Amino acid sequence: MPDSPAPQAALLIRALGFLAVWMILIGPALKDLPIGLIAAAAATWASTMLWPARSALSVPGILRFLIRFLPQSVAAGLDVARRAFAPRPGLQPGFVTYRTSLPAGMARNACCAVMSLQPGKLPVGADPDGTLHIHCLDLREPVNEQLAADEAAFCATLQGGDGNG
């Protein structure tokens, strides 16, 4: 049994996912269904340009990632807000370098985009050898360990391949 569905099945699953998102956002009104189908088809087409169907994602990996990411993001956001409103925020901003194992391309770019969603850390550059330059709010935090954990959680969402499409 193959690890991932055939490309046509993967595209159908992707299109149904986009249609489900459309229906969640707009509502399940029958009069809006033709536009929803067009939007889902356009989103599916655009997504294949960004992430080809042969580059499968792991649904369990995505769920584990979300279970880790969401509470961590809320906690980090609260910490940033607390520091922002403190008379003396106690920050030690600066840059760290982090060596990623992801090859240049779609997977590395997506991982950096996800890292940028975490308050307090922002990837600002990447070298061809995989070195990422990260601006962080507090150099006293274990930033490299946090980035390694973020990368590992992100990589668990990928099924096979290098994610470059």
Foldseek 3Di string as FASTA:
>chain_A
DDPDDDLVVLLVVQLVVQLVVVCVVPNPDPVCNVVSSVRSVVVSVVVCVLFNSVWAWDPVLVVVLCVVLPVQQVVQVVLVVVLVPDPHSPWDKDKDKEADPAAPARLVVVLQVSQCSRPFWHFDDADNRRITIIIGGHPVDPVRVVSVVSSVSSVSGTDDDRRRD
